[in-house]
PDB file of N, CA and C in Angstrom:
ATOM      1  N   MET A   1       0.849  -1.169   0.000  1.00  0.00           N
ATOM      2  CA  MET A   1       0.000   0.000   0.000  1.00  0.00           C
ATOM      3  C   MET A   1       0.897   1.234   0.000  1.00  0.00           C
ATOM      4  N   THR A   2       0.644   2.124  -0.912  1.00  0.00           N
ATOM      5  CA  THR A   2       1.449   3.334  -1.018  1.00  0.00           C
ATOM      6  C   THR A   2       0.944   4.403  -0.068  1.00  0.00           C
ATOM      7  N   GLY A   3      -0.294   4.788  -0.213  1.00  0.00           N
ATOM      8  CA  GLY A   3      -0.864   5.847   0.597  1.00  0.00           C
ATOM      9  C   GLY A   3      -0.659   7.196  -0.063  1.00  0.00           C
ATOM     10  N   PHE A   4      -1.501   8.139   0.310  1.00  0.00           N
ATOM     11  CA  PHE A   4      -1.427   9.482  -0.257  1.00  0.00           C
ATOM     12  C   PHE A   4      -0.128  10.176   0.095  1.00  0.00           C
ATOM     13  N   ASP A   5       0.382   9.921   1.291  1.00  0.00           N
ATOM     14  CA  ASP A   5       1.567  10.641   1.756  1.00  0.00           C
ATOM     15  C   ASP A   5       2.819  10.330   0.951  1.00  0.00           C
ATOM     16  N   GLU A   6       2.795   9.269   0.170  1.00  0.00           N
ATOM     17  CA  GLU A   6       3.957   8.936  -0.648  1.00  0.00           C
ATOM     18  C   GLU A   6       3.843   9.458  -2.084  1.00  0.00           C
ATOM     19  N   LEU A   7       2.737  10.119  -2.390  1.00  0.00           N
ATOM     20  CA  LEU A   7       2.559  10.701  -3.721  1.00  0.00           C
ATOM     21  C   LEU A   7       3.059  12.139  -3.710  1.00  0.00           C
ATOM     22  N   ALA A   8       3.769  12.512  -4.761  1.00  0.00           N
ATOM     23  CA  ALA A   8       4.210  13.900  -4.904  1.00  0.00           C
ATOM     24  C   ALA A   8       2.987  14.776  -5.176  1.00  0.00           C
ATOM     25  N   ASP A   9       3.090  16.034  -4.834  1.00  0.00           N
ATOM     26  CA  ASP A   9       2.013  16.965  -5.144  1.00  0.00           C
ATOM     27  C   ASP A   9       1.719  16.912  -6.631  1.00  0.00           C
ATOM     28  N   GLY A  10       0.446  16.857  -6.976  1.00  0.00           N
ATOM     29  CA  GLY A  10       0.064  16.822  -8.377  1.00  0.00           C
ATOM     30  C   GLY A  10      -1.318  16.256  -8.558  1.00  0.00           C
ATOM     31  N   THR A  11      -1.705  16.075  -9.800  1.00  0.00           N
ATOM     32  CA  THR A  11      -3.017  15.523 -10.140  1.00  0.00           C
ATOM     33  C   THR A  11      -2.814  14.163 -10.783  1.00  0.00           C
ATOM     34  N   TYR A  12      -3.580  13.191 -10.332  1.00  0.00           N
ATOM     35  CA  TYR A  12      -3.444  11.814 -10.773  1.00  0.00           C
ATOM     36  C   TYR A  12      -4.799  11.270 -11.199  1.00  0.00           C
ATOM     37  N   THR A  13      -4.763  10.241 -12.026  1.00  0.00           N
ATOM     38  CA  THR A  13      -5.968   9.478 -12.325  1.00  0.00           C
ATOM     39  C   THR A  13      -6.129   8.477 -11.194  1.00  0.00           C
ATOM     40  N   ALA A  14      -7.318   8.444 -10.611  1.00  0.00           N
ATOM     41  CA  ALA A  14      -7.608   7.521  -9.513  1.00  0.00           C
ATOM     42  C   ALA A  14      -8.693   6.554  -9.987  1.00  0.00           C
ATOM     43  N   VAL A  15      -8.442   5.264  -9.812  1.00  0.00           N
ATOM     44  CA  VAL A  15      -9.398   4.235 -10.200  1.00  0.00           C
ATOM     45  C   VAL A  15      -9.845   3.526  -8.927  1.00  0.00           C
ATOM     46  N   VAL A  16     -11.147   3.573  -8.668  1.00  0.00           N
ATOM     47  CA  VAL A  16     -11.687   2.907  -7.483  1.00  0.00           C
ATOM     48  C   VAL A  16     -11.729   1.410  -7.776  1.00  0.00           C
ATOM     49  N   ASP A  17     -11.000   0.641  -6.984  1.00  0.00           N
ATOM     50  CA  ASP A  17     -10.956  -0.805  -7.174  1.00  0.00           C
ATOM     51  C   ASP A  17     -12.135  -1.459  -6.469  1.00  0.00           C
ATOM     52  N   THR A  18     -12.223  -1.254  -5.174  1.00  0.00           N
ATOM     53  CA  THR A  18     -13.308  -1.855  -4.401  1.00  0.00           C
ATOM     54  C   THR A  18     -13.766  -0.889  -3.315  1.00  0.00           C
ATOM     55  N   ILE A  19     -14.990  -1.118  -2.876  1.00  0.00           N
ATOM     56  CA  ILE A  19     -15.496  -0.443  -1.686  1.00  0.00           C
ATOM     57  C   ILE A  19     -16.102  -1.529  -0.805  1.00  0.00           C
ATOM     58  N   GLU A  20     -15.514  -1.696   0.362  1.00  0.00           N
ATOM     59  CA  GLU A  20     -15.973  -2.713   1.305  1.00  0.00           C
ATOM     60  C   GLU A  20     -15.931  -2.136   2.703  1.00  0.00           C
ATOM     61  N   ASP A  21     -16.988  -2.382   3.450  1.00  0.00           N
ATOM     62  CA  ASP A  21     -17.074  -1.928   4.843  1.00  0.00           C
ATOM     63  C   ASP A  21     -16.782  -0.437   4.977  1.00  0.00           C
ATOM     64  N   GLY A  22     -17.221   0.342   3.994  1.00  0.00           N
ATOM     65  CA  GLY A  22     -17.055   1.788   4.048  1.00  0.00           C
ATOM     66  C   GLY A  22     -15.680   2.292   3.658  1.00  0.00           C
ATOM     67  N   LEU A  23     -14.789   1.391   3.225  1.00  0.00           N
ATOM     68  CA  LEU A  23     -13.441   1.784   2.817  1.00  0.00           C
ATOM     69  C   LEU A  23     -13.268   1.568   1.309  1.00  0.00           C
ATOM     70  N   ALA A  24     -12.680   2.548   0.656  1.00  0.00           N
ATOM     71  CA  ALA A  24     -12.422   2.472  -0.783  1.00  0.00           C
ATOM     72  C   ALA A  24     -10.944   2.193  -1.017  1.00  0.00           C
ATOM     73  N   THR A  25     -10.649   1.201  -1.838  1.00  0.00           N
ATOM     74  CA  THR A  25      -9.283   0.935  -2.278  1.00  0.00           C
ATOM     75  C   THR A  25      -9.133   1.584  -3.646  1.00  0.00           C
ATOM     76  N   ILE A  26      -8.127   2.432  -3.768  1.00  0.00           N
ATOM     77  CA  ILE A  26      -7.947   3.246  -4.968  1.00  0.00           C
ATOM     78  C   ILE A  26      -6.550   3.036  -5.525  1.00  0.00           C
ATOM     79  N   PHE A  27      -6.473   2.895  -6.845  1.00  0.00           N
ATOM     80  CA  PHE A  27      -5.181   2.807  -7.525  1.00  0.00           C
ATOM     81  C   PHE A  27      -4.934   4.118  -8.258  1.00  0.00           C
ATOM     82  N   PHE A  28      -3.700   4.582  -8.217  1.00  0.00           N
ATOM     83  CA  PHE A  28      -3.326   5.835  -8.861  1.00  0.00           C
ATOM     84  C   PHE A  28      -2.508   5.558 -10.099  1.00  0.00           C
ATOM     85  N   GLU A  29      -2.810   6.315 -11.150  1.00  0.00           N
ATOM     86  CA  GLU A  29      -2.084   6.188 -12.406  1.00  0.00           C
ATOM     87  C   GLU A  29      -1.556   7.551 -12.819  1.00  0.00           C
ATOM     88  N   GLU A  30      -0.418   7.507 -13.480  1.00  0.00           N
ATOM     89  CA  GLU A  30       0.156   8.713 -14.065  1.00  0.00           C
ATOM     90  C   GLU A  30       0.700   8.310 -15.427  1.00  0.00           C
ATOM     91  N   ASP A  31       0.258   8.977 -16.471  1.00  0.00           N
ATOM     92  CA  ASP A  31       0.655   8.646 -17.845  1.00  0.00           C
ATOM     93  C   ASP A  31       0.397   7.175 -18.163  1.00  0.00           C
ATOM     94  N   GLY A  32      -0.734   6.640 -17.664  1.00  0.00           N
ATOM     95  CA  GLY A  32      -1.127   5.269 -17.958  1.00  0.00           C
ATOM     96  C   GLY A  32      -0.417   4.208 -17.144  1.00  0.00           C
ATOM     97  N   GLU A  33       0.481   4.600 -16.258  1.00  0.00           N
ATOM     98  CA  GLU A  33       1.226   3.647 -15.427  1.00  0.00           C
ATOM     99  C   GLU A  33       0.727   3.714 -13.990  1.00  0.00           C
ATOM    100  N   GLU A  34       0.515   2.539 -13.387  1.00  0.00           N
ATOM    101  CA  GLU A  34       0.114   2.512 -11.979  1.00  0.00           C
ATOM    102  C   GLU A  34       1.313   2.932 -11.125  1.00  0.00           C
ATOM    103  N   ILE A  35       1.068   3.885 -10.236  1.00  0.00           N
ATOM    104  CA  ILE A  35       2.162   4.396  -9.410  1.00  0.00           C
ATOM    105  C   ILE A  35       1.930   4.209  -7.919  1.00  0.00           C
ATOM    106  N   GLY A  36       0.785   3.683  -7.541  1.00  0.00           N
ATOM    107  CA  GLY A  36       0.541   3.458  -6.123  1.00  0.00           C
ATOM    108  C   GLY A  36      -0.922   3.222  -5.850  1.00  0.00           C
ATOM    109  N   ASN A  37      -1.227   3.065  -4.569  1.00  0.00           N
ATOM    110  CA  ASN A  37      -2.603   2.846  -4.153  1.00  0.00           C
ATOM    111  C   ASN A  37      -2.792   3.322  -2.734  1.00  0.00           C
ATOM    112  N   ALA A  38      -4.036   3.434  -2.336  1.00  0.00           N
ATOM    113  CA  ALA A  38      -4.350   3.884  -0.981  1.00  0.00           C
ATOM    114  C   ALA A  38      -5.739   3.391  -0.618  1.00  0.00           C
ATOM    115  N   VAL A  39      -6.032   3.468   0.650  1.00  0.00           N
ATOM    116  CA  VAL A  39      -7.359   3.163   1.168  1.00  0.00           C
ATOM    117  C   VAL A  39      -7.844   4.410   1.883  1.00  0.00           C
ATOM    118  N   CYS A  40      -9.105   4.784   1.617  1.00  0.00           N
ATOM    119  CA  CYS A  40      -9.683   5.931   2.308  1.00  0.00           C
ATOM    120  C   CYS A  40     -11.144   5.638   2.618  1.00  0.00           C
ATOM    121  N   GLU A  41     -11.726   6.468   3.444  1.00  0.00           N
ATOM    122  CA  GLU A  41     -13.148   6.359   3.723  1.00  0.00           C
ATOM    123  C   GLU A  41     -13.908   6.632   2.422  1.00  0.00           C
ATOM    124  N   ALA A  42     -14.868   5.791   2.096  1.00  0.00           N
ATOM    125  CA  ALA A  42     -15.645   5.980   0.873  1.00  0.00           C
ATOM    126  C   ALA A  42     -16.370   7.321   0.886  1.00  0.00           C
ATOM    127  N   THR A  43     -16.700   7.812   2.061  1.00  0.00           N
ATOM    128  CA  THR A  43     -17.408   9.094   2.158  1.00  0.00           C
ATOM    129  C   THR A  43     -16.542  10.273   1.732  1.00  0.00           C
ATOM    130  N   GLU A  44     -15.221  10.082   1.610  1.00  0.00           N
ATOM    131  CA  GLU A  44     -14.346  11.145   1.125  1.00  0.00           C
ATOM    132  C   GLU A  44     -14.486  11.346  -0.387  1.00  0.00           C
ATOM    133  N   LEU A  45     -15.015  10.335  -1.072  1.00  0.00           N
ATOM    134  CA  LEU A  45     -15.167  10.397  -2.523  1.00  0.00           C
ATOM    135  C   LEU A  45     -16.479  11.083  -2.877  1.00  0.00           C
ATOM    136  N   PRO A  46     -16.536  11.736  -4.042  1.00  0.00           N
ATOM    137  CA  PRO A  46     -17.819  12.277  -4.488  1.00  0.00           C
ATOM    138  C   PRO A  46     -18.790  11.123  -4.760  1.00  0.00           C
ATOM    139  N   ASP A  47     -20.082  11.413  -4.723  1.00  0.00           N
ATOM    140  CA  ASP A  47     -21.097  10.372  -4.938  1.00  0.00           C
ATOM    141  C   ASP A  47     -20.828   9.559  -6.193  1.00  0.00           C
ATOM    142  N   GLU A  48     -20.422  10.232  -7.287  1.00  0.00           N
ATOM    143  CA  GLU A  48     -20.191   9.545  -8.557  1.00  0.00           C
ATOM    144  C   GLU A  48     -19.002   8.599  -8.506  1.00  0.00           C
ATOM    145  N   GLY A  49     -18.174   8.710  -7.484  1.00  0.00           N
ATOM    146  CA  GLY A  49     -16.984   7.884  -7.377  1.00  0.00           C
ATOM    147  C   GLY A  49     -17.081   6.772  -6.360  1.00  0.00           C
ATOM    148  N   ARG A  50     -18.266   6.528  -5.875  1.00  0.00           N
ATOM    149  CA  ARG A  50     -18.426   5.518  -4.825  1.00  0.00           C
ATOM    150  C   ARG A  50     -18.877   4.177  -5.371  1.00  0.00           C
ATOM    151  N   GLN A  51     -18.223   3.724  -6.442  1.00  0.00           N
ATOM    152  CA  GLN A  51     -18.482   2.392  -6.982  1.00  0.00           C
ATOM    153  C   GLN A  51     -17.210   1.873  -7.635  1.00  0.00           C
ATOM    154  N   SER A  52     -17.117   0.568  -7.729  1.00  0.00           N
ATOM    155  CA  SER A  52     -15.955  -0.047  -8.371  1.00  0.00           C
ATOM    156  C   SER A  52     -15.829   0.444  -9.800  1.00  0.00           C
ATOM    157  N   ASP A  53     -14.600   0.630 -10.237  1.00  0.00           N
ATOM    158  CA  ASP A  53     -14.236   1.066 -11.584  1.00  0.00           C
ATOM    159  C   ASP A  53     -14.545   2.529 -11.864  1.00  0.00           C
ATOM    160  N   ALA A  54     -14.962   3.289 -10.866  1.00  0.00           N
ATOM    161  CA  ALA A  54     -15.137   4.730 -11.072  1.00  0.00           C
ATOM    162  C   ALA A  54     -13.762   5.339 -11.302  1.00  0.00           C
ATOM    163  N   ILE A  55     -13.721   6.315 -12.194  1.00  0.00           N
ATOM    164  CA  ILE A  55     -12.471   7.005 -12.475  1.00  0.00           C
ATOM    165  C   ILE A  55     -12.631   8.458 -12.064  1.00  0.00           C
ATOM    166  N   LEU A  56     -11.641   8.933 -11.312  1.00  0.00           N
ATOM    167  CA  LEU A  56     -11.638  10.298 -10.826  1.00  0.00           C
ATOM    168  C   LEU A  56     -10.282  10.914 -11.076  1.00  0.00           C
ATOM    169  N   LEU A  57     -10.235  12.210 -11.095  1.00  0.00           N
ATOM    170  CA  LEU A  57      -8.960  12.913 -11.038  1.00  0.00           C
ATOM    171  C   LEU A  57      -8.814  13.382  -9.603  1.00  0.00           C
ATOM    172  N   VAL A  58      -7.675  13.135  -9.014  1.00  0.00           N
ATOM    173  CA  VAL A  58      -7.449  13.552  -7.632  1.00  0.00           C
ATOM    174  C   VAL A  58      -6.229  14.462  -7.589  1.00  0.00           C
ATOM    175  N   THR A  59      -6.384  15.571  -6.904  1.00  0.00           N
ATOM    176  CA  THR A  59      -5.274  16.490  -6.696  1.00  0.00           C
ATOM    177  C   THR A  59      -4.749  16.252  -5.291  1.00  0.00           C
ATOM    178  N   VAL A  60      -3.463  15.927  -5.199  1.00  0.00           N
ATOM    179  CA  VAL A  60      -2.813  15.647  -3.922  1.00  0.00           C
ATOM    180  C   VAL A  60      -1.880  16.802  -3.587  1.00  0.00           C
ATOM    181  N   VAL A  61      -2.020  17.318  -2.367  1.00  0.00           N
ATOM    182  CA  VAL A  61      -1.150  18.391  -1.879  1.00  0.00           C
ATOM    183  C   VAL A  61      -0.702  18.020  -0.471  1.00  0.00           C
ATOM    184  N   ASN A  62       0.591  18.044  -0.250  1.00  0.00           N
ATOM    185  CA  ASN A  62       1.163  17.725   1.058  1.00  0.00           C
ATOM    186  C   ASN A  62       0.677  16.382   1.598  1.00  0.00           C
ATOM    187  N   GLY A  63       0.579  15.395   0.718  1.00  0.00           N
ATOM    188  CA  GLY A  63       0.227  14.048   1.145  1.00  0.00           C
ATOM    189  C   GLY A  63      -1.242  13.836   1.445  1.00  0.00           C
ATOM    190  N   SER A  64      -2.095  14.776   1.055  1.00  0.00           N
ATOM    191  CA  SER A  64      -3.529  14.632   1.291  1.00  0.00           C
ATOM    192  C   SER A  64      -4.297  14.914   0.011  1.00  0.00           C
ATOM    193  N   PRO A  65      -5.382  14.145  -0.201  1.00  0.00           N
ATOM    194  CA  PRO A  65      -6.216  14.445  -1.369  1.00  0.00           C
ATOM    195  C   PRO A  65      -6.962  15.754  -1.132  1.00  0.00           C
ATOM    196  N   LEU A  66      -6.772  16.696  -2.025  1.00  0.00           N
ATOM    197  CA  LEU A  66      -7.385  18.013  -1.870  1.00  0.00           C
ATOM    198  C   LEU A  66      -8.711  18.095  -2.616  1.00  0.00           C
ATOM    199  N   ARG A  67      -8.741  17.521  -3.831  1.00  0.00           N
ATOM    200  CA  ARG A  67      -9.945  17.632  -4.653  1.00  0.00           C
ATOM    201  C   ARG A  67     -10.115  16.356  -5.471  1.00  0.00           C
ATOM    202  N   TRP A  68     -11.344  15.853  -5.503  1.00  0.00           N
ATOM    203  CA  TRP A  68     -11.718  14.696  -6.301  1.00  0.00           C
ATOM    204  C   TRP A  68     -12.648  15.183  -7.399  1.00  0.00           C
ATOM    205  N   THR A  69     -12.338  14.892  -8.648  1.00  0.00           N
ATOM    206  CA  THR A  69     -13.177  15.295  -9.765  1.00  0.00           C
ATOM    207  C   THR A  69     -13.585  14.047 -10.542  1.00  0.00           C
ATOM    208  N   PRO A  70     -14.882  13.732 -10.575  1.00  0.00           N
ATOM    209  CA  PRO A  70     -15.336  12.548 -11.306  1.00  0.00           C
ATOM    210  C   PRO A  70     -15.077  12.681 -12.805  1.00  0.00           C
ATOM    211  N   ASP A  71     -14.820  11.545 -13.444  1.00  0.00           N
ATOM    212  CA  ASP A  71     -14.667  11.486 -14.894  1.00  0.00           C
ATOM    213  C   ASP A  71     -15.674  10.449 -15.400  1.00  0.00           C
ATOM    214  N   PRO A  72     -16.966  10.841 -15.478  1.00  0.00           N
ATOM    215  CA  PRO A  72     -18.001   9.855 -15.801  1.00  0.00           C
ATOM    216  C   PRO A  72     -17.844   9.214 -17.177  1.00  0.00           C
ATOM    217  N   GLU A  73     -17.312   9.950 -18.146  1.00  0.00           N
ATOM    218  CA  GLU A  73     -17.135   9.386 -19.481  1.00  0.00           C
ATOM    219  C   GLU A  73     -16.133   8.232 -19.456  1.00  0.00           C
ATOM    220  N   ARG A  74     -14.981   8.443 -18.821  1.00  0.00           N
ATOM    221  CA  ARG A  74     -13.984   7.364 -18.736  1.00  0.00           C
ATOM    222  C   ARG A  74     -14.477   6.223 -17.859  1.00  0.00           C
ATOM    223  N   SER A  75     -15.254   6.534 -16.818  1.00  0.00           N
ATOM    224  CA  SER A  75     -15.821   5.478 -15.971  1.00  0.00           C
ATOM    225  C   SER A  75     -16.746   4.585 -16.778  1.00  0.00           C
ATOM    226  N   MET A  76     -17.605   5.187 -17.616  1.00  0.00           N
ATOM    227  CA  MET A  76     -18.533   4.427 -18.441  1.00  0.00           C
ATOM    228  C   MET A  76     -17.766   3.574 -19.451  1.00  0.00           C
ATOM    229  N   GLU A  77     -16.738   4.142 -20.076  1.00  0.00           N
ATOM    230  CA  GLU A  77     -15.930   3.383 -21.031  1.00  0.00           C
ATOM    231  C   GLU A  77     -15.305   2.170 -20.354  1.00  0.00           C
ATOM    232  N   ARG A  78     -14.801   2.355 -19.148  1.00  0.00           N
ATOM    233  CA  ARG A  78     -14.165   1.255 -18.409  1.00  0.00           C
ATOM    234  C   ARG A  78     -15.187   0.174 -18.065  1.00  0.00           C
ATOM    235  N   THR A  79     -16.379   0.590 -17.637  1.00  0.00           N
ATOM    236  CA  THR A  79     -17.438  -0.363 -17.299  1.00  0.00           C
ATOM    237  C   THR A  79     -17.861  -1.147 -18.530  1.00  0.00           C
ATOM    238  N   GLU A  80     -18.033  -0.465 -19.664  1.00  0.00           N
ATOM    239  CA  GLU A  80     -18.430  -1.140 -20.897  1.00  0.00           C
ATOM    240  C   GLU A  80     -17.353  -2.111 -21.377  1.00  0.00           C
ATOM    241  N   ALA A  81     -16.099  -1.720 -21.258  1.00  0.00           N
ATOM    242  CA  ALA A  81     -15.004  -2.608 -21.667  1.00  0.00           C
ATOM    243  C   ALA A  81     -14.966  -3.857 -20.796  1.00  0.00           C
ATOM    244  N   ALA A  82     -15.176  -3.689 -19.505  1.00  0.00           N
ATOM    245  CA  ALA A  82     -15.187  -4.835 -18.596  1.00  0.00           C
ATOM    246  C   ALA A  82     -16.359  -5.760 -18.932  1.00  0.00           C
ATOM    247  N   GLN A  83     -17.516  -5.180 -19.233  1.00  0.00           N
ATOM    248  CA  GLN A  83     -18.682  -5.997 -19.594  1.00  0.00           C
ATOM    249  C   GLN A  83     -18.430  -6.739 -20.896  1.00  0.00           C
ATOM    250  N   ASP A  84     -17.807  -6.077 -21.865  1.00  0.00           N
ATOM    251  CA  ASP A  84     -17.483  -6.738 -23.136  1.00  0.00           C
ATOM    252  C   ASP A  84     -16.550  -7.924 -22.916  1.00  0.00           C
ATOM    253  N   ARG A  85     -15.528  -7.745 -22.065  1.00  0.00           N
ATOM    254  CA  ARG A  85     -14.611  -8.854 -21.766  1.00  0.00           C
ATOM    255  C   ARG A  85     -15.366 -10.004 -21.111  1.00  0.00           C
ATOM    256  N   PHE A  86     -16.245  -9.676 -20.164  1.00  0.00           N
ATOM    257  CA  PHE A  86     -17.032 -10.711 -19.491  1.00  0.00           C
ATOM    258  C   PHE A  86     -17.906 -11.453 -20.494  1.00  0.00           C
ATOM    259  N   ASP A  87     -18.579 -10.691 -21.367  1.00  0.00           N
ATOM    260  CA  ASP A  87     -19.451 -11.313 -22.364  1.00  0.00           C
ATOM    261  C   ASP A  87     -18.675 -12.248 -23.277  1.00  0.00           C
ATOM    262  N   GLN A  88     -17.486 -11.835 -23.705  1.00  0.00           N
ATOM    263  CA  GLN A  88     -16.670 -12.678 -24.572  1.00  0.00           C
ATOM    264  C   GLN A  88     -16.240 -13.946 -23.853  1.00  0.00           C
ATOM    265  N   LEU A  89     -15.873 -13.821 -22.595  1.00  0.00           N
ATOM    266  CA  LEU A  89     -15.438 -14.994 -21.844  1.00  0.00           C
ATOM    267  C   LEU A  89     -16.588 -15.942 -21.538  1.00  0.00           C
ATOM    268  N   SER A  90     -17.800 -15.417 -21.447  1.00  0.00           N
ATOM    269  CA  SER A  90     -18.938 -16.263 -21.089  1.00  0.00           C
ATOM    270  C   SER A  90     -19.574 -16.950 -22.288  1.00  0.00           C
ATOM    271  N   GLU A  91     -19.158 -16.586 -23.500  1.00  0.00           N
ATOM    272  CA  GLU A  91     -19.697 -17.249 -24.686  1.00  0.00           C
ATOM    273  C   GLU A  91     -19.144 -18.659 -24.790  1.00  0.00           C
ATOM    274  N   ARG A  92     -20.050 -19.575 -25.128  1.00  0.00           N
ATOM    275  CA  ARG A  92     -19.642 -20.968 -25.272  1.00  0.00           C
ATOM    276  C   ARG A  92     -18.941 -21.123 -26.612  1.00  0.00           C
ATOM    277  N   PRO A  93     -17.746 -21.693 -26.614  1.00  0.00           N
ATOM    278  CA  PRO A  93     -17.076 -21.914 -27.903  1.00  0.00           C
ATOM    279  C   PRO A  93     -17.862 -22.938 -28.719  1.00  0.00           C
ATOM    280  N   PRO A  94     -17.829 -22.819 -30.021  1.00  0.00           N
ATOM    281  CA  PRO A  94     -18.559 -23.784 -30.851  1.00  0.00           C
ATOM    282  C   PRO A  94     -17.997 -25.202 -30.664  1.00  0.00           C
ATOM    283  N   SER A  95     -18.890 -26.138 -30.614  1.00  0.00           N
ATOM    284  CA  SER A  95     -18.443 -27.539 -30.509  1.00  0.00           C
ATOM    285  C   SER A  95     -18.395 -28.131 -31.908  1.00  0.00           C
ATOM    286  N   ASP A  96     -17.857 -29.325 -32.013  1.00  0.00           N
ATOM    287  CA  ASP A  96     -17.785 -30.011 -33.305  1.00  0.00           C
ATOM    288  C   ASP A  96     -19.185 -30.263 -33.854  1.00  0.00           C
ATOM    289  N   ASP A  97     -20.160 -30.489 -32.991  1.00  0.00           N
ATOM    290  CA  ASP A  97     -21.540 -30.749 -33.404  1.00  0.00           C
ATOM    291  C   ASP A  97     -22.171 -29.516 -34.044  1.00  0.00           C
ATOM    292  N   ASP A  98     -21.739 -28.290 -33.656  1.00  0.00           N
ATOM    293  CA  ASP A  98     -22.299 -27.065 -34.178  1.00  0.00           C
ATOM    294  C   ASP A  98     -21.923 -26.820 -35.630  1.00  0.00           C
ATOM    295  N   SER A  99     -20.853 -27.413 -36.092  1.00  0.00           N
ATOM    296  CA  SER A  99     -20.364 -27.135 -37.445  1.00  0.00           C
ATOM    297  C   SER A  99     -21.036 -28.004 -38.500  1.00  0.00           C
ATOM    298  N   GLU A 100     -21.856 -28.948 -38.123  1.00  0.00           N
ATOM    299  CA  GLU A 100     -22.506 -29.842 -39.078  1.00  0.00           C
ATOM    300  C   GLU A 100     -23.730 -29.249 -39.668  1.00  0.00           C
TER     301      GLU A 100
END
């Protein structure tokens, strides 16, 4: 676990991984690379960010999240991509009997 205090001041992409027992596990990305993670109270997130796979921009100053900005368009894209992967994996491959 990295935590906010190990992030340099700046703005990062934050991806909500899970929310369990009122705690949100968040992964931070910079230029598409994962650079750390943290756990915070889910109530610290905006309403739009209180679900798995929500994407937010977070501004960190002095080791604390200062501002959370939801990115609903990227969140929807991520949700749709995950659903597409699930749908592809759940399709039954054709059997030899299907080709006759």
